[in-house]
C-alpha atoms as a PDB file:
ATOM      1  CA  MET A   1      -1.100  24.634   3.566  1.00  0.00           C
ATOM      2  CA  THR A   2      -2.851  21.248   3.346  1.00  0.00           C
ATOM      3  CA  ARG A   3      -1.667  18.669   5.847  1.00  0.00           C
ATOM      4  CA  PRO A   4      -0.045  15.617   4.261  1.00  0.00           C
ATOM      5  CA  LEU A   5      -1.938  12.321   4.558  1.00  0.00           C
ATOM      6  CA  LEU A   6       1.264  10.675   5.829  1.00  0.00           C
ATOM      7  CA  ALA A   7       4.163  12.268   7.582  1.00  0.00           C
ATOM      8  CA  THR A   8       7.065  10.814   9.608  1.00  0.00           C
ATOM      9  CA  ALA A   9       9.959  12.385  11.473  1.00  0.00           C
ATOM     10  CA  GLY A  10      12.990  10.793  12.967  1.00  0.00           C
ATOM     11  CA  LEU A  11      11.796   7.265  12.283  1.00  0.00           C
ATOM     12  CA  SER A  12      14.458   4.779  13.270  1.00  0.00           C
ATOM     13  CA  LYS A  13      14.784   1.023  13.814  1.00  0.00           C
ATOM     14  CA  ARG A  14      17.694  -1.180  14.859  1.00  0.00           C
ATOM     15  CA  TYR A  15      17.945  -4.956  14.714  1.00  0.00           C
ATOM     16  CA  GLY A  16      20.835  -5.966  16.973  1.00  0.00           C
ATOM     17  CA  THR A  17      23.918  -4.231  15.595  1.00  0.00           C
ATOM     18  CA  VAL A  18      22.176  -3.361  12.225  1.00  0.00           C
ATOM     19  CA  GLN A  19      20.625   0.104  11.917  1.00  0.00           C
ATOM     20  CA  ALA A  20      17.857  -0.797   9.491  1.00  0.00           C
ATOM     21  CA  LEU A  21      16.153   2.617   9.421  1.00  0.00           C
ATOM     22  CA  VAL A  22      17.925   5.874  10.155  1.00  0.00           C
ATOM     23  CA  ASP A  23      15.994   9.123  10.947  1.00  0.00           C
ATOM     24  CA  ALA A  24      13.538   8.577   8.150  1.00  0.00           C
ATOM     25  CA  LYS A  25      11.432  11.560   7.124  1.00  0.00           C
ATOM     26  CA  ILE A  26       8.714  11.226   4.471  1.00  0.00           C
ATOM     27  CA  GLU A  27       5.599  13.272   3.610  1.00  0.00           C
ATOM     28  CA  VAL A  28       2.931  12.197   1.172  1.00  0.00           C
ATOM     29  CA  ALA A  29      -0.032  14.355   0.122  1.00  0.00           C
ATOM     30  CA  ALA A  30      -3.422  13.261  -1.110  1.00  0.00           C
ATOM     31  CA  GLY A  31      -3.224  12.543  -4.873  1.00  0.00           C
ATOM     32  CA  GLU A  32       0.574  12.088  -4.724  1.00  0.00           C
ATOM     33  CA  PHE A  33       2.558   9.052  -5.912  1.00  0.00           C
ATOM     34  CA  VAL A  34       5.935   8.786  -4.183  1.00  0.00           C
ATOM     35  CA  ALA A  35       8.356   5.989  -5.293  1.00  0.00           C
ATOM     36  CA  VAL A  36      11.182   4.656  -3.177  1.00  0.00           C
ATOM     37  CA  LEU A  37      14.085   3.111  -5.043  1.00  0.00           C
ATOM     38  CA  GLY A  38      16.635   0.843  -3.373  1.00  0.00           C
ATOM     39  CA  PRO A  39      18.238  -2.562  -3.561  1.00  0.00           C
ATOM     40  CA  SER A  40      17.212  -5.546  -1.458  1.00  0.00           C
ATOM     41  CA  GLY A  41      18.318  -5.066   2.140  1.00  0.00           C
ATOM     42  CA  SER A  42      18.367  -1.310   1.910  1.00  0.00           C
ATOM     43  CA  GLY A  43      15.518  -0.900   4.473  1.00  0.00           C
ATOM     44  CA  LYS A  44      12.427  -0.469   2.304  1.00  0.00           C
ATOM     45  CA  SER A  45      10.559  -3.345   3.994  1.00  0.00           C
ATOM     46  CA  THR A  46      11.487  -2.099   7.383  1.00  0.00           C
ATOM     47  CA  LEU A  47      10.150   1.365   6.478  1.00  0.00           C
ATOM     48  CA  PHE A  48       6.768  -0.104   5.499  1.00  0.00           C
ATOM     49  CA  ARG A  49       6.607  -2.329   8.601  1.00  0.00           C
ATOM     50  CA  CYS A  50       7.269   0.697  10.747  1.00  0.00           C
ATOM     51  CA  LEU A  51       4.725   2.839   8.869  1.00  0.00           C
ATOM     52  CA  THR A  52       2.026   0.261   9.545  1.00  0.00           C
ATOM     53  CA  ARG A  53       3.320  -0.393  13.085  1.00  0.00           C
ATOM     54  CA  LEU A  54       3.618  -4.130  12.337  1.00  0.00           C
ATOM     55  CA  THR A  55       7.149  -3.446  13.599  1.00  0.00           C
ATOM     56  CA  GLU A  56       7.500  -0.829  16.297  1.00  0.00           C
ATOM     57  CA  PRO A  57      10.150   1.822  15.545  1.00  0.00           C
ATOM     58  CA  ASP A  58      12.750   2.582  18.156  1.00  0.00           C
ATOM     59  CA  ALA A  59      12.211   6.322  17.729  1.00  0.00           C
ATOM     60  CA  GLY A  60      10.340   8.823  15.692  1.00  0.00           C
ATOM     61  CA  GLU A  61       6.818  10.023  14.925  1.00  0.00           C
ATOM     62  CA  ILE A  62       4.171   8.990  12.405  1.00  0.00           C
ATOM     63  CA  HIS A  63       1.090  11.123  11.646  1.00  0.00           C
ATOM     64  CA  LEU A  64      -1.855  10.221   9.518  1.00  0.00           C
ATOM     65  CA  ALA A  65      -3.757  13.218   8.211  1.00  0.00           C
ATOM     66  CA  GLY A  66      -2.207  15.311  10.938  1.00  0.00           C
ATOM     67  CA  ARG A  67      -3.162  12.930  13.775  1.00  0.00           C
ATOM     68  CA  PRO A  68      -0.499  11.063  15.809  1.00  0.00           C
ATOM     69  CA  PHE A  69      -0.373   7.394  14.864  1.00  0.00           C
ATOM     70  CA  HIS A  70       2.913   6.379  16.596  1.00  0.00           C
ATOM     71  CA  HIS A  71       1.544   6.175  20.167  1.00  0.00           C
ATOM     72  CA  LEU A  72      -1.834   4.514  19.506  1.00  0.00           C
ATOM     73  CA  ARG A  73      -2.597   1.180  21.118  1.00  0.00           C
ATOM     74  CA  GLY A  74      -5.338  -1.484  21.013  1.00  0.00           C
ATOM     75  CA  ARG A  75      -8.599  -0.624  19.364  1.00  0.00           C
ATOM     76  CA  LYS A  76      -7.475   2.907  18.438  1.00  0.00           C
ATOM     77  CA  LEU A  77      -4.463   1.470  16.630  1.00  0.00           C
ATOM     78  CA  ALA A  78      -6.623  -1.081  14.775  1.00  0.00           C
ATOM     79  CA  ALA A  79      -9.082   1.601  13.720  1.00  0.00           C
ATOM     80  CA  ALA A  80      -6.360   3.931  12.455  1.00  0.00           C
ATOM     81  CA  ARG A  81      -4.763   1.137  10.504  1.00  0.00           C
ATOM     82  CA  ARG A  82      -7.821   1.035   8.289  1.00  0.00           C
ATOM     83  CA  ASP A  83      -6.522   4.204   6.689  1.00  0.00           C
ATOM     84  CA  ILE A  84      -3.512   2.245   5.368  1.00  0.00           C
ATOM     85  CA  GLY A  85      -3.870  -0.260   2.577  1.00  0.00           C
ATOM     86  CA  VAL A  86      -0.914  -2.488   1.669  1.00  0.00           C
ATOM     87  CA  VAL A  87      -0.239  -4.236  -1.626  1.00  0.00           C
ATOM     88  CA  PHE A  88       2.440  -6.927  -1.625  1.00  0.00           C
ATOM     89  CA  GLN A  89       4.662  -8.353  -4.356  1.00  0.00           C
ATOM     90  CA  GLN A  90       3.185 -11.860  -3.851  1.00  0.00           C
ATOM     91  CA  PHE A  91      -0.460 -10.596  -3.767  1.00  0.00           C
ATOM     92  CA  ASN A  92      -1.328 -12.401  -0.449  1.00  0.00           C
ATOM     93  CA  LEU A  93      -4.646 -13.694  -1.838  1.00  0.00           C
ATOM     94  CA  ILE A  94      -6.656 -16.666  -0.661  1.00  0.00           C
ATOM     95  CA  ARG A  95      -6.099 -18.885  -3.701  1.00  0.00           C
ATOM     96  CA  ARG A  96      -9.315 -20.907  -3.499  1.00  0.00           C
ATOM     97  CA  ARG A  97     -11.586 -17.991  -2.877  1.00  0.00           C
ATOM     98  CA  SER A  98     -13.134 -15.799  -5.532  1.00  0.00           C
ATOM     99  CA  ALA A  99     -11.868 -12.401  -6.552  1.00  0.00           C
ATOM    100  CA  LEU A 100     -14.865 -10.854  -4.737  1.00  0.00           C
ATOM    101  CA  GLU A 101     -14.293 -12.815  -1.514  1.00  0.00           C
ATOM    102  CA  ASN A 102     -10.648 -11.792  -1.523  1.00  0.00           C
ATOM    103  CA  VAL A 103     -11.638  -8.141  -1.935  1.00  0.00           C
ATOM    104  CA  LEU A 104     -14.186  -8.381   0.838  1.00  0.00           C
ATOM    105  CA  SER A 105     -11.471  -9.619   3.193  1.00  0.00           C
ATOM    106  CA  GLY A 106     -10.277  -6.032   3.090  1.00  0.00           C
ATOM    107  CA  ARG A 107     -13.523  -5.164   4.975  1.00  0.00           C
ATOM    108  CA  LEU A 108     -12.242  -7.151   7.977  1.00  0.00           C
ATOM    109  CA  GLY A 109     -11.968  -4.005  10.056  1.00  0.00           C
ATOM    110  CA  PRO A 110     -15.622  -2.874   9.966  1.00  0.00           C
ATOM    111  CA  THR A 111     -16.970  -6.433   9.451  1.00  0.00           C
ATOM    112  CA  PRO A 112     -17.259  -8.981  12.288  1.00  0.00           C
ATOM    113  CA  LEU A 113     -14.690 -11.786  11.999  1.00  0.00           C
ATOM    114  CA  TRP A 114     -17.314 -14.517  11.911  1.00  0.00           C
ATOM    115  CA  ARG A 115     -18.971 -12.976   8.850  1.00  0.00           C
ATOM    116  CA  VAL A 116     -15.621 -12.916   7.010  1.00  0.00           C
ATOM    117  CA  ALA A 117     -14.840 -16.551   7.983  1.00  0.00           C
ATOM    118  CA  ALA A 118     -18.316 -17.710   6.850  1.00  0.00           C
ATOM    119  CA  GLY A 119     -18.307 -15.577   3.712  1.00  0.00           C
ATOM    120  CA  ARG A 120     -21.445 -13.774   4.841  1.00  0.00           C
ATOM    121  CA  PHE A 121     -21.134 -10.083   4.037  1.00  0.00           C
ATOM    122  CA  ALA A 122     -23.607  -7.291   4.265  1.00  0.00           C
ATOM    123  CA  PRO A 123     -25.106  -6.012   0.991  1.00  0.00           C
ATOM    124  CA  ARG A 124     -23.261  -2.676   1.469  1.00  0.00           C
ATOM    125  CA  ASP A 125     -19.923  -4.504   1.672  1.00  0.00           C
ATOM    126  CA  ILE A 126     -20.745  -6.661  -1.374  1.00  0.00           C
ATOM    127  CA  ALA A 127     -21.584  -3.518  -3.345  1.00  0.00           C
ATOM    128  CA  ARG A 128     -18.338  -1.887  -2.202  1.00  0.00           C
ATOM    129  CA  GLY A 129     -16.362  -4.972  -3.183  1.00  0.00           C
ATOM    130  CA  ARG A 130     -17.945  -5.046  -6.672  1.00  0.00           C
ATOM    131  CA  ASP A 131     -17.311  -1.326  -7.173  1.00  0.00           C
ATOM    132  CA  ALA A 132     -13.603  -1.840  -6.173  1.00  0.00           C
ATOM    133  CA  LEU A 133     -13.158  -4.703  -8.686  1.00  0.00           C
ATOM    134  CA  ALA A 134     -14.841  -2.624 -11.387  1.00  0.00           C
ATOM    135  CA  ALA A 135     -12.467   0.257 -10.575  1.00  0.00           C
ATOM    136  CA  VAL A 136      -9.439  -1.998 -11.361  1.00  0.00           C
ATOM    137  CA  GLY A 137     -10.985  -3.335 -14.572  1.00  0.00           C
ATOM    138  CA  LEU A 138     -12.222  -6.679 -13.228  1.00  0.00           C
ATOM    139  CA  ALA A 139     -15.977  -6.168 -13.366  1.00  0.00           C
ATOM    140  CA  ASP A 140     -16.317  -9.484 -15.267  1.00  0.00           C
ATOM    141  CA  GLN A 141     -14.212 -11.528 -12.734  1.00  0.00           C
ATOM    142  CA  PHE A 142     -16.202 -11.234  -9.532  1.00  0.00           C
ATOM    143  CA  HIS A 143     -16.621 -14.977  -9.057  1.00  0.00           C
ATOM    144  CA  GLN A 144     -13.363 -16.152 -10.641  1.00  0.00           C
ATOM    145  CA  ARG A 145     -11.082 -18.076  -8.275  1.00  0.00           C
ATOM    146  CA  ALA A 146      -7.920 -16.250  -7.449  1.00  0.00           C
ATOM    147  CA  ASP A 147      -5.685 -19.129  -8.456  1.00  0.00           C
ATOM    148  CA  THR A 148      -7.129 -19.109 -11.987  1.00  0.00           C
ATOM    149  CA  LEU A 149      -6.325 -15.415 -12.612  1.00  0.00           C
ATOM    150  CA  SER A 150      -3.147 -14.135 -14.228  1.00  0.00           C
ATOM    151  CA  GLY A 151      -0.436 -12.421 -12.197  1.00  0.00           C
ATOM    152  CA  GLY A 152      -1.543  -9.006 -13.340  1.00  0.00           C
ATOM    153  CA  GLN A 153      -5.182  -9.793 -12.544  1.00  0.00           C
ATOM    154  CA  GLN A 154      -4.184 -11.094  -9.080  1.00  0.00           C
ATOM    155  CA  GLN A 155      -2.331  -7.869  -8.328  1.00  0.00           C
ATOM    156  CA  ARG A 156      -5.419  -5.918  -9.400  1.00  0.00           C
ATOM    157  CA  VAL A 157      -7.521  -7.939  -6.940  1.00  0.00           C
ATOM    158  CA  ALA A 158      -5.007  -6.992  -4.268  1.00  0.00           C
ATOM    159  CA  ILE A 159      -5.337  -3.319  -5.165  1.00  0.00           C
ATOM    160  CA  ALA A 160      -9.081  -3.635  -5.156  1.00  0.00           C
ATOM    161  CA  ARG A 161      -8.894  -5.124  -1.677  1.00  0.00           C
ATOM    162  CA  ALA A 162      -7.116  -1.953  -0.437  1.00  0.00           C
ATOM    163  CA  ILE A 163      -9.774   0.206  -2.169  1.00  0.00           C
ATOM    164  CA  ALA A 164     -12.542  -1.783  -0.473  1.00  0.00           C
ATOM    165  CA  GLN A 165     -10.838  -1.158   2.848  1.00  0.00           C
ATOM    166  CA  GLU A 166     -11.507   2.515   2.116  1.00  0.00           C
ATOM    167  CA  SER A 167      -7.820   3.317   2.749  1.00  0.00           C
ATOM    168  CA  ARG A 168      -6.535   6.829   2.320  1.00  0.00           C
ATOM    169  CA  ILE A 169      -2.944   5.752   2.034  1.00  0.00           C
ATOM    170  CA  LEU A 170      -1.635   2.920  -0.138  1.00  0.00           C
ATOM    171  CA  LEU A 171       1.755   1.277   0.547  1.00  0.00           C
ATOM    172  CA  ALA A 172       2.736  -0.821  -2.476  1.00  0.00           C
ATOM    173  CA  ASP A 173       5.681  -3.092  -1.634  1.00  0.00           C
ATOM    174  CA  GLU A 174       7.427  -4.081  -4.885  1.00  0.00           C
ATOM    175  CA  PRO A 175       3.975  -4.593  -6.580  1.00  0.00           C
ATOM    176  CA  VAL A 176       5.367  -5.363 -10.010  1.00  0.00           C
ATOM    177  CA  ALA A 177       8.565  -7.273  -9.169  1.00  0.00           C
ATOM    178  CA  SER A 178       7.137 -10.649 -10.334  1.00  0.00           C
ATOM    179  CA  LEU A 179       5.284  -9.289 -13.381  1.00  0.00           C
ATOM    180  CA  ASP A 180       6.356  -9.052 -17.029  1.00  0.00           C
ATOM    181  CA  PRO A 181       7.123  -5.525 -18.328  1.00  0.00           C
ATOM    182  CA  ALA A 182       3.796  -4.966 -20.075  1.00  0.00           C
ATOM    183  CA  THR A 183       1.785  -6.109 -17.086  1.00  0.00           C
ATOM    184  CA  ALA A 184       4.004  -4.102 -14.707  1.00  0.00           C
ATOM    185  CA  ASN A 185       3.285  -0.953 -16.666  1.00  0.00           C
ATOM    186  CA  SER A 186      -0.475  -1.631 -16.652  1.00  0.00           C
ATOM    187  CA  VAL A 187      -0.497  -2.176 -12.837  1.00  0.00           C
ATOM    188  CA  LEU A 188       1.461   1.031 -12.206  1.00  0.00           C
ATOM    189  CA  GLU A 189      -0.717   2.917 -14.619  1.00  0.00           C
ATOM    190  CA  LEU A 190      -3.707   1.723 -12.564  1.00  0.00           C
ATOM    191  CA  ILE A 191      -2.169   2.759  -9.292  1.00  0.00           C
ATOM    192  CA  HIS A 192      -1.207   6.119 -10.731  1.00  0.00           C
ATOM    193  CA  GLY A 193      -4.728   6.665 -11.979  1.00  0.00           C
ATOM    194  CA  LEU A 194      -6.273   5.754  -8.592  1.00  0.00           C
ATOM    195  CA  THR A 195      -3.879   8.166  -6.922  1.00  0.00           C
ATOM    196  CA  ARG A 196      -5.478  10.938  -8.941  1.00  0.00           C
ATOM    197  CA  SER A 197      -9.109   9.841  -9.087  1.00  0.00           C
ATOM    198  CA  ALA A 198      -9.469   8.637  -5.457  1.00  0.00           C
ATOM    199  CA  GLY A 199      -7.065  11.157  -3.911  1.00  0.00           C
ATOM    200  CA  LEU A 200      -4.871   8.444  -2.404  1.00  0.00           C
ATOM    201  CA  GLY A 201      -1.466   9.059  -0.978  1.00  0.00           C
ATOM    202  CA  VAL A 202       0.770   6.342  -2.407  1.00  0.00           C
ATOM    203  CA  VAL A 203       4.246   5.122  -1.435  1.00  0.00           C
ATOM    204  CA  CYS A 204       5.552   2.502  -3.811  1.00  0.00           C
ATOM    205  CA  THR A 205       8.844   0.666  -3.537  1.00  0.00           C
ATOM    206  CA  LEU A 206      10.471  -0.303  -6.802  1.00  0.00           C
ATOM    207  CA  HIS A 207      13.721  -1.718  -8.220  1.00  0.00           C
ATOM    208  CA  GLN A 208      13.311  -0.150 -11.675  1.00  0.00           C
ATOM    209  CA  PRO A 209      14.348   3.549 -11.929  1.00  0.00           C
ATOM    210  CA  GLU A 210      12.665   3.909 -15.322  1.00  0.00           C
ATOM    211  CA  LEU A 211       9.298   2.916 -13.887  1.00  0.00           C
ATOM    212  CA  ALA A 212       9.706   5.203 -10.922  1.00  0.00           C
ATOM    213  CA  MET A 213      10.522   8.134 -13.214  1.00  0.00           C
ATOM    214  CA  ARG A 214       7.555   7.361 -15.426  1.00  0.00           C
ATOM    215  CA  TYR A 215       4.854   7.095 -12.819  1.00  0.00           C
ATOM    216  CA  ALA A 216       5.947   8.848  -9.626  1.00  0.00           C
ATOM    217  CA  ASP A 217       5.503  12.498  -8.714  1.00  0.00           C
ATOM    218  CA  ARG A 218       8.595  12.255  -6.511  1.00  0.00           C
ATOM    219  CA  VAL A 219      11.294   9.620  -6.291  1.00  0.00           C
ATOM    220  CA  LEU A 220      13.209   8.879  -3.094  1.00  0.00           C
ATOM    221  CA  THR A 221      16.141   6.582  -2.696  1.00  0.00           C
ATOM    222  CA  MET A 222      16.969   4.244   0.172  1.00  0.00           C
ATOM    223  CA  ASP A 223      20.416   2.968   1.066  1.00  0.00           C
ATOM    224  CA  ALA A 224      21.569   1.452   4.340  1.00  0.00           C
ATOM    225  CA  GLY A 225      18.345   2.599   5.992  1.00  0.00           C
ATOM    226  CA  ARG A 226      18.634   6.209   4.946  1.00  0.00           C
ATOM    227  CA  LEU A 227      16.128   7.955   2.733  1.00  0.00           C
ATOM    228  CA  GLY A 228      17.295  10.506   0.206  1.00  0.00           C
ATOM    229  CA  VAL A 229      15.980  12.413  -2.834  1.00  0.00           C
ATOM    230  CA  ARG A 230      16.860  11.240  -6.296  1.00  0.00           C
ATOM    231  CA  PRO A 231      18.199  14.262  -8.231  1.00  0.00           C
ATOM    232  CA  GLY A 232      15.914  15.509 -10.934  1.00  0.00           C
ATOM    233  CA  ALA A 233      13.169  13.053 -10.026  1.00  0.00           C
ATOM    234  CA  SER A 234      10.162  15.227  -9.420  1.00  0.00           C
ATOM    235  CA  ARG A 235       7.225  16.227 -11.585  1.00  0.00           C
ATOM    236  CA  GLY A 236       6.642  19.267  -9.407  1.00  0.00           C
END
């Protein structure tokens, strides 16, 4: 049996008296799109922060491609994090930089910080950034400033940034919440296609059940920090 790209067991997190994440177990295979449905405050953001170790869980294990991630520290943690790309609802782009420069910021791990700050990237990185933008349908927008792009285009730049990072796992945190329905569908169609073509493991939080059912291979629910399976929500 193929090992999942991402697997957790017993993942828990408490903030004071609030149990934000309770014994969370999730497995995501290469080429699989998993949606997580839940209202605001249900624990979805805490789950993502624990998966990336931006917030340390109180208990539990995280494995990336079969290798322990939960106990890594320092440079080993930073190196392992390159396997995880994150796409946010608000895009998190540098507004006055071009689409290509924003994508190349995803190369921060393997690229010296001074090169990123000065905008001086190696030819290999520039080629990778251009390929990533082409993959999301923005081959003609390399030099367009981020703040002149539409919301859907900005989200595509954010996805391209994760591709340029050469991530194996994509965590998409409410990626279409601020987009109109047509644009939301096009962005999710893009993520779904990349899941298949690039063999990514995708976890995507959503509010809209109809979108989750349309694009996800499996749909999980989250309520009061607990993950569950949505009945009948599986393509398998």
